[in-house]
């Protein structure tokens, strides 16, 4: 007798939407629909499942910059924060325990489902007509911003103190990745950071990244 499907198998059976149907929709609404879909297929709407399902359903909007074959968990996290009662009030929950839709979130999910039906144009952003919608912001990376972000991380300070207390989780945070991120993606992400920091001309941060690569070599080896 065949065993029950795993969450991963159920998520992979979801059909991705065609990019033109959702390209101009904001990430908050798309994430609401993803939570709704997970509940519908009996998959716990915990963070990892939402990341995977967002990428499965809407790959163009939830792909990692520079690595379109991998999901961008940071974008999902930001969207989830915006769904909380303090902001949109479309969902409540926590990363570890999972998320649930509010009545307003359920209504939003149903409206989005209707707008994504074949032959139906995407719903306009709230309070604006379709002709007034702005195109999604360009997802570019500023080397100066990357360098400033690295300098503000605790692990950067710890590196000057003989790496005292530095952890692998801080490395993942630096790379905006997770322990399950493929190691080839981690290596490319670090290399990309090194290139950007070098272009910004910050030799101290560049040396930090090279030292980090050696200090946590096991995280980058297959």
Protein backbone atom coordinates (compact mmCIF):
# COMPACT_ATOMS: atom_id res chain seq x y z
CA UNK A 1 0.00 0.00 0.00
CA UNK A 2 1.41 3.35 -0.98
CA UNK A 3 2.14 5.70 1.91
CA UNK A 4 0.59 9.12 2.37
CA UNK A 5 2.07 11.96 0.35
CA UNK A 6 4.63 14.16 2.04
CA UNK A 7 4.24 17.93 2.22
CA UNK A 8 6.98 18.28 -0.40
CA UNK A 9 5.18 15.96 -2.81
CA UNK A 10 1.90 17.84 -2.40
CA UNK A 11 3.58 21.20 -2.99
CA UNK A 12 5.33 19.93 -6.12
CA UNK A 13 1.96 18.87 -7.52
CA UNK A 14 0.70 22.47 -7.41
CA UNK A 15 0.45 24.00 -10.88
CA UNK A 16 2.44 27.22 -11.33
CA UNK A 17 0.45 30.21 -12.55
CA UNK A 18 1.52 31.81 -15.84
CA UNK A 19 3.76 34.78 -15.09
CA UNK A 20 1.66 37.41 -16.93
CA UNK A 21 -1.28 36.59 -14.65
CA UNK A 22 0.53 37.57 -11.44
CA UNK A 23 3.52 39.66 -12.52
CA UNK A 24 2.03 42.96 -11.32
CA UNK A 25 0.49 41.62 -8.10
CA UNK A 26 2.13 42.46 -4.80
CA UNK A 27 3.90 39.78 -2.80
CA UNK A 28 1.58 40.14 0.18
CA UNK A 29 -1.48 39.09 -1.80
CA UNK A 30 0.35 36.24 -3.48
CA UNK A 31 1.51 34.94 -0.10
CA UNK A 32 -2.06 35.08 1.23
CA UNK A 33 -3.15 32.86 -1.65
CA UNK A 34 -0.26 30.49 -1.02
CA UNK A 35 -1.29 30.03 2.62
CA UNK A 36 -4.85 29.38 1.45
CA UNK A 37 -3.64 26.77 -1.05
CA UNK A 38 -1.51 24.99 1.53
CA UNK A 39 -4.46 24.70 3.87
CA UNK A 40 -6.59 23.39 0.99
CA UNK A 41 -4.13 20.56 0.24
CA UNK A 42 -3.66 19.77 3.93
CA UNK A 43 -0.05 20.97 4.18
CA UNK A 44 0.94 22.84 7.37
CA UNK A 45 1.46 26.53 6.49
CA UNK A 46 4.79 26.80 8.28
CA UNK A 47 7.53 29.05 6.93
CA UNK A 48 9.47 26.46 4.92
CA UNK A 49 6.32 25.20 3.20
CA UNK A 50 5.22 28.74 2.38
CA UNK A 51 8.63 29.50 0.85
CA UNK A 52 8.48 26.37 -1.30
CA UNK A 53 4.85 26.85 -2.34
CA UNK A 54 5.28 30.56 -3.15
CA UNK A 55 8.16 29.63 -5.45
CA UNK A 56 6.17 26.76 -6.97
CA UNK A 57 3.06 28.85 -7.65
CA UNK A 58 4.69 32.19 -8.53
CA UNK A 59 8.31 31.47 -9.51
CA UNK A 60 8.96 34.78 -11.26
CA UNK A 61 8.13 36.84 -8.16
CA UNK A 62 9.74 34.62 -5.53
CA UNK A 63 13.01 33.63 -7.19
CA UNK A 64 16.33 34.66 -5.67
CA UNK A 65 18.02 37.58 -7.43
CA UNK A 66 20.70 36.18 -9.70
CA UNK A 67 19.63 32.58 -9.03
CA UNK A 68 16.18 32.09 -10.60
CA UNK A 69 16.27 28.37 -9.89
CA UNK A 70 16.12 28.95 -6.12
CA UNK A 71 13.43 30.55 -3.91
CA UNK A 72 14.11 33.79 -2.06
CA UNK A 73 13.10 33.15 1.56
CA UNK A 74 13.83 36.74 2.53
CA UNK A 75 11.09 38.05 0.27
CA UNK A 76 8.63 35.59 1.79
CA UNK A 77 9.60 36.61 5.30
CA UNK A 78 9.01 40.28 4.51
CA UNK A 79 5.63 39.50 3.00
CA UNK A 80 4.58 37.49 6.06
CA UNK A 81 5.50 40.37 8.35
CA UNK A 82 3.22 42.62 6.32
CA UNK A 83 0.30 40.20 6.68
CA UNK A 84 0.17 40.43 10.49
CA UNK A 85 -2.72 42.16 12.33
CA UNK A 86 -0.55 45.22 12.93
CA UNK A 87 -0.35 45.86 9.17
CA UNK A 88 -2.68 44.24 6.61
CA UNK A 89 -4.46 41.98 9.12
CA UNK A 90 -4.68 39.18 6.57
CA UNK A 91 -2.90 36.51 8.62
CA UNK A 92 -1.47 35.78 12.02
CA UNK A 93 1.20 33.38 13.16
CA UNK A 94 4.90 32.80 13.67
CA UNK A 95 7.70 31.29 11.64
CA UNK A 96 8.01 28.19 13.82
CA UNK A 97 4.36 27.49 14.57
CA UNK A 98 2.75 28.35 11.24
CA UNK A 99 0.27 30.86 9.86
CA UNK A 100 -3.50 31.18 9.68
CA UNK A 101 -5.63 33.51 7.59
CA UNK A 102 -7.96 36.03 9.19
CA UNK A 103 -11.46 36.53 7.74
CA UNK A 104 -10.08 39.47 5.76
CA UNK A 105 -7.22 37.31 4.49
CA UNK A 106 -9.61 34.55 3.45
CA UNK A 107 -11.69 37.07 1.51
CA UNK A 108 -8.53 38.40 -0.16
CA UNK A 109 -7.45 34.87 -1.13
CA UNK A 110 -10.83 34.11 -2.68
CA UNK A 111 -10.77 37.39 -4.61
CA UNK A 112 -7.29 36.64 -5.91
CA UNK A 113 -8.30 33.11 -6.93
CA UNK A 114 -11.10 34.61 -8.97
CA UNK A 115 -8.81 37.15 -10.63
CA UNK A 116 -6.30 34.44 -11.57
CA UNK A 117 -8.85 32.30 -13.36
CA UNK A 118 -8.01 31.81 -17.07
CA UNK A 119 -9.36 34.70 -19.07
CA UNK A 120 -9.63 37.03 -16.08
CA UNK A 121 -7.18 39.90 -15.77
CA UNK A 122 -5.19 40.25 -12.57
CA UNK A 123 -6.86 42.22 -9.81
CA UNK A 124 -5.65 45.83 -9.58
CA UNK A 125 -3.80 46.96 -6.49
CA UNK A 126 -6.11 48.04 -3.70
CA UNK A 127 -7.56 51.51 -4.25
CA UNK A 128 -6.21 51.88 -7.81
CA UNK A 129 -7.43 50.98 -11.26
CA UNK A 130 -5.52 48.65 -13.53
CA UNK A 131 -4.27 51.60 -15.60
CA UNK A 132 -2.85 53.24 -12.45
CA UNK A 133 -0.90 50.24 -11.27
CA UNK A 134 2.83 50.69 -11.01
CA UNK A 135 5.12 48.05 -12.44
CA UNK A 136 7.03 45.97 -9.87
CA UNK A 137 10.14 47.70 -8.61
CA UNK A 138 13.33 46.64 -10.30
CA UNK A 139 15.22 44.11 -8.22
CA UNK A 140 18.71 45.51 -8.45
CA UNK A 141 21.50 45.20 -5.91
CA UNK A 142 23.58 48.19 -4.82
CA UNK A 143 27.12 47.17 -3.75
CA UNK A 144 27.19 50.01 -1.20
CA UNK A 145 23.98 48.71 0.40
CA UNK A 146 25.38 45.19 0.57
CA UNK A 147 28.58 46.43 2.22
CA UNK A 148 26.67 48.56 4.75
CA UNK A 149 24.42 45.63 5.64
CA UNK A 150 27.41 43.34 6.26
CA UNK A 151 29.07 45.89 8.52
CA UNK A 152 25.90 46.03 10.61
CA UNK A 153 25.73 42.29 11.28
CA UNK A 154 26.86 40.87 14.65
CA UNK A 155 29.06 38.29 12.93
CA UNK A 156 31.11 41.09 11.38
CA UNK A 157 31.91 42.43 14.86
CA UNK A 158 32.66 38.94 16.12
CA UNK A 159 35.17 38.40 13.32
CA UNK A 160 37.35 41.13 14.84
CA UNK A 161 37.16 39.32 18.18
CA UNK A 162 38.64 36.06 16.89
CA UNK A 163 35.17 34.97 15.77
CA UNK A 164 34.12 34.45 19.38
CA UNK A 165 30.50 33.28 19.46
CA UNK A 166 30.08 33.28 15.68
CA UNK A 167 27.69 30.57 14.48
CA UNK A 168 26.64 28.89 11.26
CA UNK A 169 23.18 30.42 11.63
CA UNK A 170 24.77 33.87 11.42
CA UNK A 171 26.46 32.83 8.19
CA UNK A 172 23.09 31.82 6.74
CA UNK A 173 21.66 35.15 7.87
CA UNK A 174 24.53 36.96 6.16
CA UNK A 175 23.85 35.09 2.92
CA UNK A 176 20.07 35.46 3.33
CA UNK A 177 19.83 31.68 3.11
CA UNK A 178 18.80 28.71 5.23
CA UNK A 179 20.44 25.43 6.31
CA UNK A 180 18.60 23.60 3.52
CA UNK A 181 19.86 25.97 0.80
CA UNK A 182 21.97 23.97 -1.71
CA UNK A 183 25.67 24.43 -1.09
CA UNK A 184 26.29 25.42 -4.67
CA UNK A 185 23.91 28.34 -4.10
CA UNK A 186 25.74 29.28 -0.88
CA UNK A 187 29.06 29.35 -2.73
CA UNK A 188 27.64 31.46 -5.53
CA UNK A 189 25.95 33.81 -3.06
CA UNK A 190 29.21 34.35 -1.19
CA UNK A 191 31.13 34.85 -4.43
CA UNK A 192 28.52 37.36 -5.57
CA UNK A 193 28.91 39.25 -2.29
CA UNK A 194 32.69 39.28 -2.64
CA UNK A 195 32.38 40.71 -6.14
CA UNK A 196 29.99 43.45 -5.03
CA UNK A 197 32.05 44.38 -1.97
CA UNK A 198 35.17 44.53 -4.15
CA UNK A 199 33.37 46.87 -6.55
CA UNK A 200 32.43 49.05 -3.57
CA UNK A 201 36.13 49.22 -2.67
CA UNK A 202 35.72 48.12 0.95
CA UNK A 203 38.83 46.04 1.58
CA UNK A 204 37.98 45.38 5.24
CA UNK A 205 34.64 43.78 4.41
CA UNK A 206 36.20 41.88 1.53
CA UNK A 207 38.81 40.44 3.89
CA UNK A 208 36.01 39.54 6.30
CA UNK A 209 34.22 37.54 3.61
CA UNK A 210 37.36 35.70 2.63
CA UNK A 211 38.07 34.86 6.27
CA UNK A 212 34.49 33.72 6.72
CA UNK A 213 34.83 31.39 3.74
CA UNK A 214 37.82 29.73 5.40
CA UNK A 215 36.39 29.77 8.94
CA UNK A 216 33.12 28.08 7.89
CA UNK A 217 34.50 26.04 4.99
CA UNK A 218 32.38 23.04 5.94
CA UNK A 219 29.20 24.96 5.08
CA UNK A 220 30.33 25.42 1.49
CA UNK A 221 31.75 21.95 0.76
CA UNK A 222 29.61 19.29 -0.90
